[in-house]
N, C-alpha and C. Protein backbone atom coordinates (compact mmCIF):
# COMPACT_ATOMS: atom_id res chain seq x y z
N UNK A 1 63.47 126.56 -195.92
CA UNK A 1 62.05 126.52 -196.25
C UNK A 1 61.29 125.69 -195.21
N UNK A 2 60.27 126.26 -194.62
CA UNK A 2 59.46 125.51 -193.66
C UNK A 2 58.55 124.52 -194.38
N UNK A 3 58.02 123.55 -193.63
CA UNK A 3 57.11 122.59 -194.22
C UNK A 3 55.84 123.28 -194.73
N UNK A 4 55.39 124.28 -194.00
CA UNK A 4 54.18 125.00 -194.42
C UNK A 4 54.43 125.75 -195.72
N UNK A 5 55.61 126.34 -195.85
CA UNK A 5 55.96 127.04 -197.09
C UNK A 5 56.08 126.06 -198.25
N UNK A 6 56.71 124.91 -197.99
CA UNK A 6 56.85 123.90 -199.03
C UNK A 6 55.47 123.37 -199.44
N UNK A 7 54.62 123.15 -198.45
CA UNK A 7 53.27 122.64 -198.72
C UNK A 7 52.51 123.59 -199.63
N UNK A 8 52.60 124.89 -199.36
CA UNK A 8 51.89 125.87 -200.18
C UNK A 8 52.36 125.83 -201.63
N UNK A 9 53.68 125.71 -201.83
CA UNK A 9 54.22 125.65 -203.19
C UNK A 9 53.81 124.36 -203.89
N UNK A 10 53.79 123.26 -203.16
CA UNK A 10 53.37 121.99 -203.75
C UNK A 10 51.89 122.01 -204.11
N UNK A 11 51.09 122.61 -203.26
CA UNK A 11 49.66 122.75 -203.54
C UNK A 11 49.45 123.51 -204.85
N UNK A 12 50.14 124.62 -204.99
CA UNK A 12 49.99 125.44 -206.19
C UNK A 12 50.53 124.73 -207.43
N UNK A 13 51.65 124.03 -207.28
CA UNK A 13 52.24 123.33 -208.41
C UNK A 13 51.36 122.21 -208.93
N UNK A 14 50.80 121.41 -208.02
CA UNK A 14 49.92 120.32 -208.45
C UNK A 14 48.59 120.84 -208.97
N UNK A 15 48.16 121.98 -208.46
CA UNK A 15 46.92 122.57 -208.95
C UNK A 15 47.06 122.96 -210.43
N UNK A 16 48.21 123.48 -210.79
CA UNK A 16 48.44 123.85 -212.19
C UNK A 16 48.51 122.60 -213.08
N UNK A 17 49.13 121.55 -212.56
CA UNK A 17 49.31 120.32 -213.33
C UNK A 17 48.01 119.53 -213.45
N UNK A 18 47.21 119.53 -212.40
CA UNK A 18 45.95 118.76 -212.37
C UNK A 18 44.81 119.69 -211.92
N UNK A 19 44.34 120.55 -212.81
CA UNK A 19 43.31 121.52 -212.42
C UNK A 19 42.00 120.89 -211.96
N UNK A 20 41.69 119.72 -212.49
CA UNK A 20 40.44 119.04 -212.11
C UNK A 20 40.73 118.03 -211.00
N UNK A 21 40.54 118.46 -209.78
CA UNK A 21 40.80 117.58 -208.64
C UNK A 21 39.50 116.86 -208.29
N UNK A 22 39.34 115.65 -208.79
CA UNK A 22 38.10 114.92 -208.55
C UNK A 22 38.41 113.51 -208.06
N UNK A 23 37.49 112.99 -207.27
CA UNK A 23 37.60 111.61 -206.81
C UNK A 23 37.36 110.68 -207.99
N UNK A 24 38.17 109.66 -208.12
CA UNK A 24 38.04 108.75 -209.26
C UNK A 24 36.94 107.71 -209.05
N UNK A 25 36.40 107.61 -207.84
CA UNK A 25 35.28 106.70 -207.60
C UNK A 25 33.98 107.34 -208.07
N UNK A 26 33.17 106.56 -208.78
CA UNK A 26 31.92 107.06 -209.32
C UNK A 26 30.77 106.67 -208.40
N UNK A 27 30.01 107.69 -207.96
CA UNK A 27 28.88 107.43 -207.07
C UNK A 27 27.83 108.52 -207.28
N UNK A 28 26.58 108.16 -207.05
CA UNK A 28 25.50 109.09 -207.30
C UNK A 28 24.98 109.81 -206.07
N UNK A 29 25.39 109.35 -204.88
CA UNK A 29 24.93 109.99 -203.64
C UNK A 29 25.92 109.66 -202.53
N UNK A 30 25.81 110.30 -201.37
CA UNK A 30 26.78 110.09 -200.29
C UNK A 30 26.92 108.63 -199.85
N UNK A 31 25.80 107.92 -199.74
CA UNK A 31 25.92 106.52 -199.30
C UNK A 31 26.62 105.68 -200.34
N UNK A 32 26.36 105.92 -201.61
CA UNK A 32 27.05 105.17 -202.66
C UNK A 32 28.55 105.45 -202.63
N UNK A 33 28.95 106.68 -202.34
CA UNK A 33 30.37 106.97 -202.21
C UNK A 33 30.96 106.24 -201.02
N UNK A 34 30.21 106.14 -199.95
CA UNK A 34 30.65 105.39 -198.78
C UNK A 34 30.88 103.93 -199.14
N UNK A 35 29.95 103.35 -199.89
CA UNK A 35 30.07 101.96 -200.33
C UNK A 35 31.27 101.79 -201.26
N UNK A 36 31.39 102.68 -202.24
CA UNK A 36 32.49 102.57 -203.20
C UNK A 36 33.84 102.68 -202.51
N UNK A 37 33.94 103.55 -201.53
CA UNK A 37 35.20 103.71 -200.81
C UNK A 37 35.52 102.47 -200.00
N UNK A 38 34.51 101.86 -199.40
CA UNK A 38 34.74 100.60 -198.68
C UNK A 38 35.22 99.52 -199.63
N UNK A 39 34.65 99.46 -200.82
CA UNK A 39 35.06 98.44 -201.79
C UNK A 39 36.48 98.67 -202.29
N UNK A 40 36.96 99.92 -202.23
CA UNK A 40 38.26 100.25 -202.80
C UNK A 40 39.43 99.79 -201.95
N UNK A 41 39.16 99.32 -200.73
CA UNK A 41 40.24 98.82 -199.88
C UNK A 41 40.91 97.61 -200.54
N UNK A 42 42.22 97.67 -200.71
CA UNK A 42 42.97 96.61 -201.39
C UNK A 42 42.41 96.30 -202.78
N UNK A 43 41.91 97.33 -203.43
CA UNK A 43 41.35 97.17 -204.77
C UNK A 43 41.49 98.49 -205.51
N UNK A 44 41.65 98.43 -206.81
CA UNK A 44 41.80 99.67 -207.58
C UNK A 44 40.46 100.37 -207.76
N UNK A 45 40.50 101.69 -207.88
CA UNK A 45 39.27 102.44 -208.13
C UNK A 45 38.65 102.02 -209.46
N UNK A 46 39.50 101.71 -210.43
CA UNK A 46 38.99 101.30 -211.74
C UNK A 46 38.15 100.03 -211.62
N UNK A 47 38.61 99.08 -210.84
CA UNK A 47 37.87 97.85 -210.64
C UNK A 47 36.56 98.13 -209.92
N UNK A 48 36.61 98.96 -208.90
CA UNK A 48 35.39 99.31 -208.16
C UNK A 48 34.35 99.92 -209.09
N UNK A 49 34.80 100.80 -209.98
CA UNK A 49 33.87 101.46 -210.90
C UNK A 49 33.26 100.51 -211.91
N UNK A 50 33.88 99.37 -212.12
CA UNK A 50 33.30 98.35 -212.98
C UNK A 50 32.21 97.55 -212.26
N UNK A 51 32.36 97.47 -210.94
CA UNK A 51 31.47 96.64 -210.13
C UNK A 51 30.24 97.39 -209.63
N UNK A 52 30.43 98.65 -209.26
CA UNK A 52 29.34 99.37 -208.58
C UNK A 52 28.09 99.64 -209.42
N UNK A 53 28.17 99.80 -210.75
CA UNK A 53 26.91 100.05 -211.47
C UNK A 53 25.85 98.98 -211.23
N UNK A 54 26.25 97.72 -211.24
CA UNK A 54 25.29 96.64 -210.99
C UNK A 54 24.77 96.68 -209.56
N UNK A 55 25.67 96.97 -208.62
CA UNK A 55 25.27 97.04 -207.22
C UNK A 55 24.30 98.19 -206.98
N UNK A 56 24.65 99.36 -207.49
CA UNK A 56 23.83 100.55 -207.26
C UNK A 56 22.50 100.48 -208.02
N UNK A 57 22.48 99.77 -209.11
CA UNK A 57 21.24 99.63 -209.87
C UNK A 57 20.25 98.71 -209.15
N UNK A 58 20.80 97.70 -208.47
CA UNK A 58 19.93 96.75 -207.78
C UNK A 58 19.52 97.25 -206.40
N UNK A 59 20.46 97.89 -205.70
CA UNK A 59 20.20 98.37 -204.34
C UNK A 59 20.17 99.90 -204.36
N UNK A 60 18.97 100.45 -204.22
CA UNK A 60 18.79 101.89 -204.41
C UNK A 60 18.53 102.65 -203.11
N UNK A 61 18.09 101.98 -202.07
CA UNK A 61 17.78 102.65 -200.81
C UNK A 61 18.51 101.97 -199.66
N UNK A 62 18.57 102.65 -198.52
CA UNK A 62 19.18 102.05 -197.34
C UNK A 62 18.45 100.78 -196.95
N UNK A 63 17.12 100.80 -197.05
CA UNK A 63 16.34 99.60 -196.72
C UNK A 63 16.71 98.44 -197.64
N UNK A 64 16.96 98.73 -198.91
CA UNK A 64 17.36 97.68 -199.85
C UNK A 64 18.62 96.98 -199.34
N UNK A 65 19.58 97.77 -198.90
CA UNK A 65 20.83 97.19 -198.39
C UNK A 65 20.62 96.44 -197.09
N UNK A 66 19.86 97.04 -196.17
CA UNK A 66 19.63 96.41 -194.87
C UNK A 66 18.95 95.05 -195.04
N UNK A 67 18.03 94.97 -195.99
CA UNK A 67 17.28 93.73 -196.20
C UNK A 67 17.92 92.79 -197.22
N UNK A 68 19.10 93.14 -197.68
CA UNK A 68 19.77 92.35 -198.72
C UNK A 68 20.26 91.01 -198.19
N UNK A 69 20.32 90.06 -199.10
CA UNK A 69 20.97 88.77 -198.82
C UNK A 69 22.47 88.99 -198.99
N UNK A 70 23.23 88.78 -197.92
CA UNK A 70 24.66 89.05 -197.97
C UNK A 70 25.33 88.28 -199.10
N UNK A 71 24.83 87.10 -199.41
CA UNK A 71 25.42 86.29 -200.49
C UNK A 71 25.26 86.98 -201.84
N UNK A 72 24.14 87.66 -202.03
CA UNK A 72 23.91 88.35 -203.30
C UNK A 72 24.89 89.50 -203.46
N UNK A 73 25.10 90.27 -202.39
CA UNK A 73 26.07 91.36 -202.47
C UNK A 73 27.47 90.80 -202.69
N UNK A 74 27.78 89.71 -202.02
CA UNK A 74 29.09 89.06 -202.21
C UNK A 74 29.31 88.69 -203.68
N UNK A 75 28.28 88.15 -204.31
CA UNK A 75 28.40 87.75 -205.72
C UNK A 75 28.67 88.95 -206.62
N UNK A 76 28.03 90.08 -206.32
CA UNK A 76 28.20 91.27 -207.16
C UNK A 76 29.59 91.88 -206.98
N UNK A 77 30.08 91.91 -205.74
CA UNK A 77 31.35 92.60 -205.45
C UNK A 77 32.54 91.65 -205.41
N UNK A 78 32.35 90.42 -205.77
CA UNK A 78 33.37 89.37 -205.62
C UNK A 78 34.73 89.79 -206.16
N UNK A 79 34.77 90.42 -207.32
CA UNK A 79 36.04 90.73 -207.96
C UNK A 79 36.82 91.85 -207.26
N UNK A 80 36.19 92.52 -206.29
CA UNK A 80 36.89 93.57 -205.53
C UNK A 80 37.77 93.00 -204.43
N UNK A 81 37.64 91.70 -204.19
CA UNK A 81 38.45 91.08 -203.14
C UNK A 81 37.88 91.32 -201.75
N UNK A 82 38.25 90.41 -200.81
CA UNK A 82 37.80 90.52 -199.41
C UNK A 82 36.28 90.75 -199.35
N UNK A 83 35.58 90.04 -200.23
CA UNK A 83 34.16 90.33 -200.43
C UNK A 83 33.26 89.91 -199.28
N UNK A 84 33.69 88.92 -198.47
CA UNK A 84 32.86 88.53 -197.32
C UNK A 84 32.74 89.69 -196.34
N UNK A 85 33.87 90.23 -195.94
CA UNK A 85 33.87 91.33 -194.98
C UNK A 85 33.26 92.59 -195.55
N UNK A 86 33.54 92.88 -196.81
CA UNK A 86 33.00 94.09 -197.43
C UNK A 86 31.48 94.02 -197.53
N UNK A 87 30.95 92.86 -197.89
CA UNK A 87 29.50 92.72 -198.00
C UNK A 87 28.82 92.91 -196.65
N UNK A 88 29.39 92.30 -195.61
CA UNK A 88 28.83 92.47 -194.27
C UNK A 88 28.87 93.93 -193.85
N UNK A 89 30.00 94.58 -194.12
CA UNK A 89 30.14 95.99 -193.73
C UNK A 89 29.13 96.88 -194.45
N UNK A 90 28.91 96.61 -195.72
CA UNK A 90 27.96 97.44 -196.49
C UNK A 90 26.57 97.36 -195.88
N UNK A 91 26.14 96.17 -195.53
CA UNK A 91 24.82 96.00 -194.92
C UNK A 91 24.76 96.69 -193.56
N UNK A 92 25.81 96.52 -192.75
CA UNK A 92 25.82 97.14 -191.44
C UNK A 92 25.96 98.66 -191.53
N UNK A 93 26.70 99.17 -192.53
CA UNK A 93 26.79 100.61 -192.74
C UNK A 93 25.40 101.18 -193.01
N UNK A 94 24.66 100.51 -193.89
CA UNK A 94 23.31 100.98 -194.22
C UNK A 94 22.43 100.98 -192.99
N UNK A 95 22.53 99.93 -192.19
CA UNK A 95 21.71 99.87 -190.97
C UNK A 95 22.09 101.00 -190.01
N UNK A 96 23.38 101.26 -189.88
CA UNK A 96 23.84 102.32 -188.99
C UNK A 96 23.37 103.69 -189.45
N UNK A 97 23.49 103.97 -190.75
CA UNK A 97 23.05 105.26 -191.28
C UNK A 97 21.54 105.43 -191.10
N UNK A 98 20.81 104.37 -191.36
CA UNK A 98 19.34 104.44 -191.25
C UNK A 98 18.88 104.57 -189.80
N UNK A 99 19.40 103.72 -188.94
CA UNK A 99 18.87 103.63 -187.58
C UNK A 99 19.47 104.64 -186.61
N UNK A 100 20.73 105.02 -186.82
CA UNK A 100 21.38 105.92 -185.85
C UNK A 100 21.53 107.36 -186.34
N UNK A 101 21.44 107.54 -187.67
CA UNK A 101 21.65 108.89 -188.21
C UNK A 101 20.50 109.37 -189.09
N UNK A 102 19.34 108.77 -188.90
CA UNK A 102 18.15 109.24 -189.57
C UNK A 102 18.20 109.15 -191.09
N UNK A 103 19.01 108.23 -191.60
CA UNK A 103 19.10 108.05 -193.04
C UNK A 103 20.05 109.00 -193.74
N UNK A 104 20.75 109.82 -192.96
CA UNK A 104 21.68 110.80 -193.54
C UNK A 104 23.11 110.40 -193.20
N UNK A 105 23.97 110.29 -194.21
CA UNK A 105 25.38 109.97 -193.97
C UNK A 105 25.99 111.10 -193.14
N UNK A 106 26.62 110.79 -192.01
CA UNK A 106 27.17 111.83 -191.13
C UNK A 106 28.17 112.74 -191.83
N UNK A 107 28.32 113.95 -191.29
CA UNK A 107 29.20 114.94 -191.89
C UNK A 107 30.47 115.17 -191.08
N UNK A 108 30.76 114.25 -190.14
CA UNK A 108 31.96 114.42 -189.32
C UNK A 108 32.65 113.07 -189.10
N UNK A 109 33.95 113.14 -188.88
CA UNK A 109 34.76 111.93 -188.77
C UNK A 109 34.38 111.08 -187.57
N UNK A 110 34.04 111.73 -186.47
CA UNK A 110 33.71 110.99 -185.25
C UNK A 110 32.52 110.07 -185.47
N UNK A 111 31.46 110.59 -186.06
CA UNK A 111 30.27 109.75 -186.30
C UNK A 111 30.51 108.75 -187.42
N UNK A 112 31.17 109.17 -188.48
CA UNK A 112 31.41 108.27 -189.61
C UNK A 112 32.19 107.03 -189.18
N UNK A 113 33.18 107.21 -188.32
CA UNK A 113 34.02 106.07 -187.93
C UNK A 113 33.34 105.12 -186.95
N UNK A 114 32.09 105.45 -186.55
CA UNK A 114 31.33 104.47 -185.77
C UNK A 114 30.61 103.48 -186.67
N UNK A 115 30.58 103.77 -187.98
CA UNK A 115 29.92 102.87 -188.92
C UNK A 115 30.82 101.69 -189.25
N UNK A 116 30.22 100.56 -189.49
CA UNK A 116 30.96 99.33 -189.77
C UNK A 116 31.87 99.50 -190.99
N UNK A 117 33.16 99.19 -190.81
CA UNK A 117 34.10 99.21 -191.93
C UNK A 117 34.60 100.58 -192.33
N UNK A 118 34.21 101.63 -191.61
CA UNK A 118 34.62 102.99 -191.97
C UNK A 118 35.78 103.44 -191.09
N UNK A 119 36.94 103.64 -191.71
CA UNK A 119 38.10 104.17 -191.00
C UNK A 119 38.27 105.64 -191.30
N UNK A 120 39.36 106.20 -190.85
CA UNK A 120 39.58 107.64 -190.99
C UNK A 120 39.76 108.04 -192.46
N UNK A 121 40.37 107.17 -193.27
CA UNK A 121 40.55 107.51 -194.68
C UNK A 121 39.20 107.69 -195.37
N UNK A 122 38.33 106.72 -195.18
CA UNK A 122 36.99 106.80 -195.77
C UNK A 122 36.22 108.00 -195.22
N UNK A 123 36.30 108.20 -193.91
CA UNK A 123 35.58 109.30 -193.27
C UNK A 123 36.04 110.65 -193.82
N UNK A 124 37.34 110.81 -193.99
CA UNK A 124 37.86 112.06 -194.53
C UNK A 124 37.38 112.30 -195.96
N UNK A 125 37.30 111.24 -196.74
CA UNK A 125 36.83 111.39 -198.12
C UNK A 125 35.38 111.90 -198.14
N UNK A 126 34.54 111.32 -197.28
CA UNK A 126 33.14 111.75 -197.22
C UNK A 126 33.05 113.20 -196.74
N UNK A 127 33.77 113.52 -195.67
CA UNK A 127 33.73 114.88 -195.12
C UNK A 127 34.18 115.90 -196.16
N UNK A 128 35.22 115.56 -196.92
CA UNK A 128 35.74 116.49 -197.91
C UNK A 128 34.92 116.55 -199.18
N UNK A 129 34.61 115.40 -199.76
CA UNK A 129 33.95 115.37 -201.07
C UNK A 129 32.46 115.65 -200.99
N UNK A 130 31.82 115.16 -199.95
CA UNK A 130 30.37 115.33 -199.84
C UNK A 130 30.01 116.66 -199.16
N UNK A 131 30.72 116.97 -198.09
CA UNK A 131 30.34 118.12 -197.29
C UNK A 131 31.25 119.33 -197.46
N UNK A 132 32.30 119.19 -198.26
CA UNK A 132 33.15 120.34 -198.57
C UNK A 132 33.94 120.88 -197.40
N UNK A 133 34.18 120.05 -196.41
CA UNK A 133 34.96 120.49 -195.25
C UNK A 133 36.44 120.12 -195.45
N UNK A 134 37.35 120.82 -194.77
CA UNK A 134 38.78 120.45 -194.86
C UNK A 134 38.98 119.00 -194.46
N UNK A 135 39.73 118.26 -195.28
CA UNK A 135 39.93 116.84 -195.01
C UNK A 135 41.26 116.39 -195.61
N UNK A 136 41.83 115.36 -195.02
CA UNK A 136 43.07 114.77 -195.54
C UNK A 136 42.86 113.27 -195.66
N UNK A 137 42.81 112.79 -196.89
CA UNK A 137 42.59 111.36 -197.17
C UNK A 137 43.96 110.69 -197.30
N UNK A 138 44.39 110.05 -196.23
CA UNK A 138 45.74 109.49 -196.18
C UNK A 138 45.77 108.09 -196.80
N UNK A 139 45.70 108.06 -198.13
CA UNK A 139 45.82 106.78 -198.83
C UNK A 139 47.28 106.52 -199.17
N UNK A 140 47.55 105.40 -199.83
CA UNK A 140 48.93 105.01 -200.09
C UNK A 140 49.68 106.02 -200.96
N UNK A 141 48.98 106.62 -201.93
CA UNK A 141 49.63 107.61 -202.79
C UNK A 141 50.05 108.84 -201.98
N UNK A 142 49.11 109.34 -201.17
CA UNK A 142 49.41 110.54 -200.40
C UNK A 142 50.55 110.29 -199.42
N UNK A 143 50.53 109.15 -198.77
CA UNK A 143 51.59 108.83 -197.81
C UNK A 143 52.94 108.77 -198.50
N UNK A 144 53.00 108.11 -199.65
CA UNK A 144 54.26 107.99 -200.39
C UNK A 144 54.76 109.36 -200.85
N UNK A 145 53.88 110.13 -201.47
CA UNK A 145 54.30 111.41 -202.04
C UNK A 145 54.71 112.41 -200.97
N UNK A 146 53.94 112.51 -199.90
CA UNK A 146 54.27 113.53 -198.91
C UNK A 146 55.53 113.18 -198.13
N UNK A 147 55.86 111.89 -198.05
CA UNK A 147 57.15 111.51 -197.47
C UNK A 147 58.28 111.91 -198.42
N UNK A 148 58.13 111.62 -199.70
CA UNK A 148 59.16 111.98 -200.67
C UNK A 148 59.33 113.50 -200.79
N UNK A 149 58.22 114.21 -200.69
CA UNK A 149 58.25 115.66 -200.85
C UNK A 149 58.82 116.39 -199.63
N UNK A 150 58.93 115.68 -198.52
CA UNK A 150 59.47 116.29 -197.33
C UNK A 150 58.44 116.96 -196.44
N UNK A 151 57.16 116.62 -196.62
CA UNK A 151 56.12 117.20 -195.78
C UNK A 151 55.90 116.41 -194.50
N UNK A 152 56.12 115.11 -194.55
CA UNK A 152 55.98 114.25 -193.38
C UNK A 152 57.14 113.26 -193.35
N UNK A 153 57.30 112.65 -192.20
CA UNK A 153 58.34 111.62 -192.07
C UNK A 153 57.78 110.46 -191.27
N UNK A 154 56.70 109.90 -191.78
CA UNK A 154 56.05 108.77 -191.14
C UNK A 154 55.18 108.06 -192.17
N UNK A 155 55.02 106.76 -192.00
CA UNK A 155 54.15 105.99 -192.88
C UNK A 155 52.81 105.68 -192.21
N UNK A 156 52.65 106.13 -190.97
CA UNK A 156 51.42 105.87 -190.23
C UNK A 156 50.31 106.78 -190.75
N UNK A 157 49.21 106.21 -191.28
CA UNK A 157 48.17 107.03 -191.91
C UNK A 157 47.61 108.13 -191.02
N UNK A 158 47.32 107.82 -189.77
CA UNK A 158 46.74 108.84 -188.89
C UNK A 158 47.75 109.95 -188.61
N UNK A 159 49.01 109.59 -188.42
CA UNK A 159 50.03 110.61 -188.19
C UNK A 159 50.21 111.49 -189.42
N UNK A 160 50.19 110.87 -190.61
CA UNK A 160 50.27 111.64 -191.86
C UNK A 160 49.11 112.63 -191.93
N UNK A 161 47.91 112.14 -191.66
CA UNK A 161 46.72 113.00 -191.67
C UNK A 161 46.89 114.19 -190.74
N UNK A 162 47.30 113.92 -189.50
CA UNK A 162 47.41 114.98 -188.51
C UNK A 162 48.51 115.97 -188.85
N UNK A 163 49.65 115.48 -189.35
CA UNK A 163 50.74 116.37 -189.72
C UNK A 163 50.36 117.28 -190.89
N UNK A 164 49.68 116.69 -191.88
CA UNK A 164 49.29 117.48 -193.05
C UNK A 164 48.22 118.52 -192.70
N UNK A 165 47.36 118.19 -191.75
CA UNK A 165 46.34 119.16 -191.34
C UNK A 165 46.97 120.41 -190.73
N UNK A 166 48.18 120.26 -190.19
CA UNK A 166 48.87 121.39 -189.59
C UNK A 166 49.49 122.31 -190.64
N UNK A 167 49.83 121.76 -191.81
CA UNK A 167 50.62 122.55 -192.76
C UNK A 167 49.92 122.84 -194.08
N UNK A 168 48.90 122.09 -194.44
CA UNK A 168 48.18 122.35 -195.68
C UNK A 168 47.15 123.46 -195.47
N UNK A 169 46.98 124.35 -196.45
CA UNK A 169 45.88 125.31 -196.36
C UNK A 169 44.56 124.54 -196.27
N UNK A 170 43.76 124.76 -195.23
CA UNK A 170 42.55 123.94 -195.02
C UNK A 170 41.65 123.86 -196.25
N UNK A 171 41.43 124.96 -196.94
CA UNK A 171 40.52 124.97 -198.08
C UNK A 171 41.10 124.25 -199.30
N UNK A 172 42.39 123.91 -199.24
CA UNK A 172 43.04 123.23 -200.37
C UNK A 172 43.32 121.75 -200.07
N UNK A 173 43.16 121.36 -198.81
CA UNK A 173 43.65 120.05 -198.39
C UNK A 173 42.99 118.88 -199.11
N UNK A 174 41.68 118.92 -199.26
CA UNK A 174 40.99 117.81 -199.91
C UNK A 174 41.39 117.67 -201.37
N UNK A 175 41.42 118.79 -202.10
CA UNK A 175 41.82 118.76 -203.51
C UNK A 175 43.28 118.34 -203.66
N UNK A 176 44.13 118.75 -202.73
CA UNK A 176 45.54 118.34 -202.77
C UNK A 176 45.64 116.82 -202.71
N UNK A 177 44.82 116.20 -201.88
CA UNK A 177 44.85 114.74 -201.77
C UNK A 177 44.48 114.07 -203.08
N UNK A 178 43.44 114.58 -203.75
CA UNK A 178 43.04 114.02 -205.04
C UNK A 178 44.15 114.21 -206.08
N UNK A 179 44.77 115.37 -206.06
CA UNK A 179 45.85 115.64 -207.02
C UNK A 179 47.07 114.76 -206.73
N UNK A 180 47.31 114.48 -205.46
CA UNK A 180 48.42 113.59 -205.11
C UNK A 180 48.20 112.19 -205.66
N UNK A 181 46.95 111.74 -205.64
CA UNK A 181 46.62 110.43 -206.22
C UNK A 181 46.91 110.44 -207.73
N UNK A 182 46.47 111.47 -208.41
CA UNK A 182 46.72 111.57 -209.86
C UNK A 182 48.22 111.61 -210.15
N UNK A 183 48.95 112.39 -209.37
CA UNK A 183 50.40 112.52 -209.56
C UNK A 183 51.11 111.21 -209.22
N UNK A 184 50.61 110.54 -208.20
CA UNK A 184 51.21 109.27 -207.79
C UNK A 184 51.02 108.17 -208.83
N UNK A 185 49.92 108.23 -209.54
CA UNK A 185 49.68 107.24 -210.60
C UNK A 185 50.47 107.56 -211.86
N UNK A 186 50.60 108.85 -212.16
CA UNK A 186 51.18 109.25 -213.45
C UNK A 186 52.69 109.45 -213.41
N UNK A 187 53.21 109.98 -212.29
CA UNK A 187 54.61 110.39 -212.26
C UNK A 187 55.38 109.82 -211.07
N UNK A 188 54.90 110.09 -209.88
CA UNK A 188 55.63 109.69 -208.67
C UNK A 188 55.12 108.32 -208.21
N UNK A 189 55.42 107.31 -209.01
CA UNK A 189 54.83 105.99 -208.79
C UNK A 189 55.51 105.24 -207.65
N UNK A 190 54.86 104.18 -207.21
CA UNK A 190 55.42 103.38 -206.12
C UNK A 190 56.74 102.75 -206.52
N UNK A 191 56.85 102.35 -207.77
CA UNK A 191 58.07 101.69 -208.24
C UNK A 191 59.22 102.68 -208.41
N UNK A 192 58.89 103.87 -208.93
CA UNK A 192 59.95 104.85 -209.20
C UNK A 192 59.36 106.26 -209.26
N UNK A 193 60.12 107.20 -208.71
CA UNK A 193 59.75 108.61 -208.84
C UNK A 193 60.36 109.15 -210.13
N UNK A 194 59.53 109.48 -211.10
CA UNK A 194 60.03 109.99 -212.38
C UNK A 194 60.21 111.50 -212.27
N UNK A 195 61.26 111.86 -211.56
CA UNK A 195 61.48 113.27 -211.20
C UNK A 195 61.68 114.16 -212.43
N UNK A 196 62.21 113.58 -213.51
CA UNK A 196 62.44 114.37 -214.72
C UNK A 196 61.14 114.84 -215.35
N UNK A 197 60.03 114.18 -215.01
CA UNK A 197 58.72 114.56 -215.56
C UNK A 197 57.82 115.25 -214.53
N UNK A 198 58.39 115.61 -213.40
CA UNK A 198 57.60 116.11 -212.29
C UNK A 198 57.43 117.62 -212.34
N UNK A 199 56.19 118.06 -212.20
CA UNK A 199 55.88 119.49 -212.27
C UNK A 199 56.29 120.24 -211.00
N UNK A 200 56.59 119.51 -209.94
CA UNK A 200 56.95 120.17 -208.67
C UNK A 200 58.34 119.78 -208.18
N UNK A 201 59.19 119.30 -209.10
CA UNK A 201 60.51 118.85 -208.66
C UNK A 201 61.40 119.99 -208.16
N UNK A 202 61.02 121.22 -208.45
CA UNK A 202 61.82 122.35 -207.97
C UNK A 202 61.60 122.63 -206.49
N UNK A 203 60.52 122.10 -205.92
CA UNK A 203 60.27 122.30 -204.48
C UNK A 203 60.19 120.99 -203.72
N UNK A 204 60.35 119.88 -204.40
CA UNK A 204 60.30 118.58 -203.74
C UNK A 204 61.61 118.32 -203.01
N UNK A 205 61.53 117.86 -201.78
CA UNK A 205 62.74 117.64 -200.98
C UNK A 205 63.61 116.53 -201.58
N UNK A 206 62.98 115.64 -202.32
CA UNK A 206 63.74 114.54 -202.94
C UNK A 206 64.80 115.12 -203.90
N UNK A 207 64.49 116.29 -204.47
CA UNK A 207 65.42 116.93 -205.41
C UNK A 207 66.34 117.91 -204.70
N UNK A 208 65.78 118.78 -203.87
CA UNK A 208 66.58 119.85 -203.29
C UNK A 208 67.11 119.51 -201.91
């Protein structure tokens, strides 16, 4: 079985198990999703979703963020961890979107990664979830699962992204990433792969 063949079967298997492939971060617009994704670094999505309502309610426009007191944002996002750097990045992201991209969050990885605090993982999420383009969000769950499944043999996020782009059906890639997160939380956990409860164990390389 080739990696591309295995990938297709895994895509279909996870689609049946998790029909609703949605991002677990709650946001009302592209910039809010950018902020929420930045906050999620070394933090759970659940925690981010507890913090962002207050932030998004107080700061509604790019100008609000650009003119914000960094200490105020730090106080709101404190429980997400690494709040000094995250607060600075949020303000600089807003300034970059406003001043360099006409107030519109970019729709491509090259431009997105020029924004403060935005790496390829965040950029791919925006490209896929906001603009509906093929994307691979190489987070910890995806890296773990695709290594176990036999799709990649590297822990390097960029290499995982590039390898998966070669073998995943482009129109399925973004949803596959969301489903991998759900599967990684529920079944194929970091501590243990619960293969006996796995919907795709018949095509997972860990089994066969």
